């Protein structure tokens, strides 16, 4: 119902974990059930390559994106790998700008700069081209009490979709 409601493209966050893998699978299953003429909406399955990933993780992420592109071609589903620009990589921050290496629970700058900002840039460019997007993220309320509170606080009674907190 949500897919057929309008022409807004979808972006699906994909990390390769349980939640995002299930979400991507559900999106594929839903689109497969549609008639070919109904499959007009673009769906971008986006993954973040921080460029300092474990080589096994990086290989898996890139191979999955390739497989998503191959399997999704007839469904308008596209795998996208998002990387920070050269001027904003981990090594540019550490060596070039003198940032200390991240140490939880202290100075943690890498997730925001290496993942969130590049994905937000992709999302904003997609919005600029299309007016709006629908973002799908696989999260579980039962993951933690904090996650439950965060998700519940954003729910709008009677609505299937919620506004993104930042974009």
C-alpha atoms as a PDB file:
ATOM      1  CA  UNK A   1       0.000   0.000   0.000  1.00  0.00           C
ATOM      2  CA  UNK A   2       2.767   2.466   0.943  1.00  0.00           C
ATOM      3  CA  UNK A   3       4.808   1.573  -2.147  1.00  0.00           C
ATOM      4  CA  UNK A   4       1.875   2.136  -4.502  1.00  0.00           C
ATOM      5  CA  UNK A   5       0.693   5.327  -2.775  1.00  0.00           C
ATOM      6  CA  UNK A   6       3.094   7.694  -4.573  1.00  0.00           C
ATOM      7  CA  UNK A   7       6.261   7.935  -6.673  1.00  0.00           C
ATOM      8  CA  UNK A   8       8.690   8.876  -3.898  1.00  0.00           C
ATOM      9  CA  UNK A   9      11.824   6.725  -4.153  1.00  0.00           C
ATOM     10  CA  UNK A  10      12.798   4.579  -1.192  1.00  0.00           C
ATOM     11  CA  UNK A  11      16.158   4.341   0.486  1.00  0.00           C
ATOM     12  CA  UNK A  12      16.759   1.217   2.525  1.00  0.00           C
ATOM     13  CA  UNK A  13      19.607   1.225   5.034  1.00  0.00           C
ATOM     14  CA  UNK A  14      21.585  -1.997   4.746  1.00  0.00           C
ATOM     15  CA  UNK A  15      24.426  -2.992   7.087  1.00  0.00           C
ATOM     16  CA  UNK A  16      24.323  -6.741   6.569  1.00  0.00           C
ATOM     17  CA  UNK A  17      23.070  -7.336  10.114  1.00  0.00           C
ATOM     18  CA  UNK A  18      19.912  -9.244  11.065  1.00  0.00           C
ATOM     19  CA  UNK A  19      17.530  -6.298  11.054  1.00  0.00           C
ATOM     20  CA  UNK A  20      18.620  -4.717   7.784  1.00  0.00           C
ATOM     21  CA  UNK A  21      18.919  -8.085   6.010  1.00  0.00           C
ATOM     22  CA  UNK A  22      15.361  -8.945   6.997  1.00  0.00           C
ATOM     23  CA  UNK A  23      14.177  -5.527   5.807  1.00  0.00           C
ATOM     24  CA  UNK A  24      15.856  -5.903   2.402  1.00  0.00           C
ATOM     25  CA  UNK A  25      14.378  -9.394   2.069  1.00  0.00           C
ATOM     26  CA  UNK A  26      10.899  -8.090   2.885  1.00  0.00           C
ATOM     27  CA  UNK A  27      11.261  -5.265   0.346  1.00  0.00           C
ATOM     28  CA  UNK A  28      12.255  -7.774  -2.353  1.00  0.00           C
ATOM     29  CA  UNK A  29       9.347 -10.058  -1.454  1.00  0.00           C
ATOM     30  CA  UNK A  30       6.885  -7.157  -1.548  1.00  0.00           C
ATOM     31  CA  UNK A  31       8.084  -5.870  -4.924  1.00  0.00           C
ATOM     32  CA  UNK A  32       8.066  -9.388  -6.413  1.00  0.00           C
ATOM     33  CA  UNK A  33       4.347  -9.648  -5.616  1.00  0.00           C
ATOM     34  CA  UNK A  34       3.559  -6.522  -7.629  1.00  0.00           C
ATOM     35  CA  UNK A  35       2.679  -6.608 -11.298  1.00  0.00           C
ATOM     36  CA  UNK A  36       5.611  -5.528 -13.510  1.00  0.00           C
ATOM     37  CA  UNK A  37       3.826  -2.321 -14.522  1.00  0.00           C
ATOM     38  CA  UNK A  38       3.495  -1.354 -10.834  1.00  0.00           C
ATOM     39  CA  UNK A  39       7.262  -1.562 -10.209  1.00  0.00           C
ATOM     40  CA  UNK A  40       8.063   2.018 -11.175  1.00  0.00           C
ATOM     41  CA  UNK A  41       9.480   3.335  -7.915  1.00  0.00           C
ATOM     42  CA  UNK A  42      13.260   3.371  -7.463  1.00  0.00           C
ATOM     43  CA  UNK A  43      14.530   1.645  -4.355  1.00  0.00           C
ATOM     44  CA  UNK A  44      18.097   2.329  -3.246  1.00  0.00           C
ATOM     45  CA  UNK A  45      19.611  -0.206  -0.849  1.00  0.00           C
ATOM     46  CA  UNK A  46      22.423   1.821   0.671  1.00  0.00           C
ATOM     47  CA  UNK A  47      25.421   0.543   2.593  1.00  0.00           C
ATOM     48  CA  UNK A  48      28.178   2.556   4.190  1.00  0.00           C
ATOM     49  CA  UNK A  49      31.828   1.765   3.524  1.00  0.00           C
ATOM     50  CA  UNK A  50      33.881   3.799   5.992  1.00  0.00           C
ATOM     51  CA  UNK A  51      37.047   2.743   4.117  1.00  0.00           C
ATOM     52  CA  UNK A  52      38.479   1.319   7.341  1.00  0.00           C
ATOM     53  CA  UNK A  53      36.277  -1.769   7.448  1.00  0.00           C
ATOM     54  CA  UNK A  54      37.625  -5.223   8.199  1.00  0.00           C
ATOM     55  CA  UNK A  55      38.581  -6.655   4.763  1.00  0.00           C
ATOM     56  CA  UNK A  56      36.164  -9.573   5.214  1.00  0.00           C
ATOM     57  CA  UNK A  57      33.309  -7.181   6.043  1.00  0.00           C
ATOM     58  CA  UNK A  58      34.220  -4.899   3.131  1.00  0.00           C
ATOM     59  CA  UNK A  59      34.299  -7.829   0.668  1.00  0.00           C
ATOM     60  CA  UNK A  60      30.941  -9.077   1.972  1.00  0.00           C
ATOM     61  CA  UNK A  61      29.360  -5.608   1.738  1.00  0.00           C
ATOM     62  CA  UNK A  62      30.518  -5.052  -1.830  1.00  0.00           C
ATOM     63  CA  UNK A  63      29.541  -8.550  -2.965  1.00  0.00           C
ATOM     64  CA  UNK A  64      26.073  -8.146  -1.418  1.00  0.00           C
ATOM     65  CA  UNK A  65      25.614  -4.792  -3.144  1.00  0.00           C
ATOM     66  CA  UNK A  66      26.559  -6.423  -6.452  1.00  0.00           C
ATOM     67  CA  UNK A  67      24.079  -9.251  -5.820  1.00  0.00           C
ATOM     68  CA  UNK A  68      21.358  -6.746  -4.880  1.00  0.00           C
ATOM     69  CA  UNK A  69      21.977  -4.950  -8.191  1.00  0.00           C
ATOM     70  CA  UNK A  70      21.805  -8.206 -10.141  1.00  0.00           C
ATOM     71  CA  UNK A  71      18.687  -9.511  -8.383  1.00  0.00           C
ATOM     72  CA  UNK A  72      17.028  -6.099  -8.254  1.00  0.00           C
ATOM     73  CA  UNK A  73      17.482  -5.051 -11.879  1.00  0.00           C
ATOM     74  CA  UNK A  74      13.984  -6.082 -12.944  1.00  0.00           C
ATOM     75  CA  UNK A  75      12.437  -4.562  -9.797  1.00  0.00           C
ATOM     76  CA  UNK A  76      14.049  -1.093  -9.910  1.00  0.00           C
ATOM     77  CA  UNK A  77      16.157  -1.965  -6.839  1.00  0.00           C
ATOM     78  CA  UNK A  78      19.706  -0.620  -6.789  1.00  0.00           C
ATOM     79  CA  UNK A  79      22.520  -1.419  -4.381  1.00  0.00           C
ATOM     80  CA  UNK A  80      24.626   1.626  -3.516  1.00  0.00           C
ATOM     81  CA  UNK A  81      27.867   1.769  -1.529  1.00  0.00           C
ATOM     82  CA  UNK A  82      28.349   5.157   0.103  1.00  0.00           C
ATOM     83  CA  UNK A  83      31.873   6.270   1.102  1.00  0.00           C
ATOM     84  CA  UNK A  84      33.139   9.472   2.673  1.00  0.00           C
ATOM     85  CA  UNK A  85      34.880  11.821   0.220  1.00  0.00           C
ATOM     86  CA  UNK A  86      38.709  11.751   0.222  1.00  0.00           C
ATOM     87  CA  UNK A  87      38.869  14.950   2.267  1.00  0.00           C
ATOM     88  CA  UNK A  88      36.738  13.330   4.994  1.00  0.00           C
ATOM     89  CA  UNK A  89      38.197   9.833   5.459  1.00  0.00           C
ATOM     90  CA  UNK A  90      39.339   8.313   8.739  1.00  0.00           C
ATOM     91  CA  UNK A  91      43.004   8.809   7.828  1.00  0.00           C
ATOM     92  CA  UNK A  92      42.458  12.413   6.730  1.00  0.00           C
ATOM     93  CA  UNK A  93      40.940  13.154  10.135  1.00  0.00           C
ATOM     94  CA  UNK A  94      43.603  11.282  12.134  1.00  0.00           C
ATOM     95  CA  UNK A  95      46.754  12.143  10.161  1.00  0.00           C
ATOM     96  CA  UNK A  96      45.666  15.310   8.352  1.00  0.00           C
ATOM     97  CA  UNK A  97      43.618  17.061  11.029  1.00  0.00           C
ATOM     98  CA  UNK A  98      45.213  15.459  14.090  1.00  0.00           C
ATOM     99  CA  UNK A  99      42.036  13.907  15.500  1.00  0.00           C
ATOM    100  CA  UNK A 100      42.671  11.300  18.194  1.00  0.00           C
ATOM    101  CA  UNK A 101      41.544   7.796  17.290  1.00  0.00           C
ATOM    102  CA  UNK A 102      38.031   7.052  18.575  1.00  0.00           C
ATOM    103  CA  UNK A 103      37.827   5.458  22.013  1.00  0.00           C
ATOM    104  CA  UNK A 104      34.461   4.495  23.424  1.00  0.00           C
ATOM    105  CA  UNK A 105      32.892   5.787  25.579  1.00  0.00           C
ATOM    106  CA  UNK A 106      34.915   8.966  25.070  1.00  0.00           C
ATOM    107  CA  UNK A 107      35.649  10.772  21.861  1.00  0.00           C
ATOM    108  CA  UNK A 108      33.533   9.049  19.184  1.00  0.00           C
ATOM    109  CA  UNK A 109      33.524  11.051  15.997  1.00  0.00           C
ATOM    110  CA  UNK A 110      33.765   8.329  13.359  1.00  0.00           C
ATOM    111  CA  UNK A 111      30.149   7.096  13.015  1.00  0.00           C
ATOM    112  CA  UNK A 112      28.807  10.581  12.370  1.00  0.00           C
ATOM    113  CA  UNK A 113      31.544  11.645   9.965  1.00  0.00           C
ATOM    114  CA  UNK A 114      32.259   8.381   8.130  1.00  0.00           C
ATOM    115  CA  UNK A 115      28.742   6.885   7.912  1.00  0.00           C
ATOM    116  CA  UNK A 116      25.909   9.266   8.780  1.00  0.00           C
ATOM    117  CA  UNK A 117      27.090  12.366   6.910  1.00  0.00           C
ATOM    118  CA  UNK A 118      27.884  10.553   3.620  1.00  0.00           C
ATOM    119  CA  UNK A 119      24.527   8.728   3.734  1.00  0.00           C
ATOM    120  CA  UNK A 120      22.718  11.995   4.552  1.00  0.00           C
ATOM    121  CA  UNK A 121      24.448  13.602   1.553  1.00  0.00           C
ATOM    122  CA  UNK A 122      23.210  10.795  -0.724  1.00  0.00           C
ATOM    123  CA  UNK A 123      19.720  11.118   0.773  1.00  0.00           C
ATOM    124  CA  UNK A 124      19.631  14.909   0.342  1.00  0.00           C
ATOM    125  CA  UNK A 125      20.760  14.588  -3.289  1.00  0.00           C
ATOM    126  CA  UNK A 126      18.001  12.033  -3.883  1.00  0.00           C
ATOM    127  CA  UNK A 127      15.489  14.405  -2.240  1.00  0.00           C
ATOM    128  CA  UNK A 128      16.740  17.268  -4.425  1.00  0.00           C
ATOM    129  CA  UNK A 129      16.055  15.171  -7.543  1.00  0.00           C
ATOM    130  CA  UNK A 130      12.681  13.794  -6.363  1.00  0.00           C
ATOM    131  CA  UNK A 131      11.226  16.199  -3.796  1.00  0.00           C
ATOM    132  CA  UNK A 132      11.036  13.568  -1.049  1.00  0.00           C
ATOM    133  CA  UNK A 133      12.138  10.045  -0.203  1.00  0.00           C
ATOM    134  CA  UNK A 134      10.858   7.338   2.075  1.00  0.00           C
ATOM    135  CA  UNK A 135      13.631   5.924   4.255  1.00  0.00           C
ATOM    136  CA  UNK A 136      13.324   2.378   5.544  1.00  0.00           C
ATOM    137  CA  UNK A 137      15.472   1.293   8.471  1.00  0.00           C
ATOM    138  CA  UNK A 138      15.389  -2.101  10.134  1.00  0.00           C
ATOM    139  CA  UNK A 139      15.245  -1.615  13.900  1.00  0.00           C
ATOM    140  CA  UNK A 140      13.797  -3.600  16.782  1.00  0.00           C
ATOM    141  CA  UNK A 141      12.070  -2.064  19.765  1.00  0.00           C
ATOM    142  CA  UNK A 142      13.101  -5.110  21.802  1.00  0.00           C
ATOM    143  CA  UNK A 143      16.827  -4.532  21.147  1.00  0.00           C
ATOM    144  CA  UNK A 144      17.123  -2.359  24.247  1.00  0.00           C
ATOM    145  CA  UNK A 145      15.071  -0.135  26.528  1.00  0.00           C
ATOM    146  CA  UNK A 146      16.743   2.938  25.023  1.00  0.00           C
ATOM    147  CA  UNK A 147      15.939   1.824  21.463  1.00  0.00           C
ATOM    148  CA  UNK A 148      12.333   1.137  22.491  1.00  0.00           C
ATOM    149  CA  UNK A 149      11.973   4.653  23.937  1.00  0.00           C
ATOM    150  CA  UNK A 150      13.559   6.245  20.860  1.00  0.00           C
ATOM    151  CA  UNK A 151      11.285   4.412  18.411  1.00  0.00           C
ATOM    152  CA  UNK A 152       8.146   4.871  20.503  1.00  0.00           C
ATOM    153  CA  UNK A 153       8.810   8.613  20.902  1.00  0.00           C
ATOM    154  CA  UNK A 154       8.836   9.042  17.111  1.00  0.00           C
ATOM    155  CA  UNK A 155       5.658   7.090  16.414  1.00  0.00           C
ATOM    156  CA  UNK A 156       2.642   9.081  15.298  1.00  0.00           C
ATOM    157  CA  UNK A 157      -0.682   7.499  16.150  1.00  0.00           C
ATOM    158  CA  UNK A 158      -2.613   6.513  13.043  1.00  0.00           C
ATOM    159  CA  UNK A 159       0.384   7.034  10.721  1.00  0.00           C
ATOM    160  CA  UNK A 160       2.444   4.372   8.965  1.00  0.00           C
ATOM    161  CA  UNK A 161       5.388   6.706   8.331  1.00  0.00           C
ATOM    162  CA  UNK A 162       7.232   9.127  10.609  1.00  0.00           C
ATOM    163  CA  UNK A 163       9.319  12.170   9.804  1.00  0.00           C
ATOM    164  CA  UNK A 164      13.085  11.620   9.988  1.00  0.00           C
ATOM    165  CA  UNK A 165      14.558  13.328  13.031  1.00  0.00           C
ATOM    166  CA  UNK A 166      17.343  15.123  11.103  1.00  0.00           C
ATOM    167  CA  UNK A 167      16.403  15.363   7.426  1.00  0.00           C
END
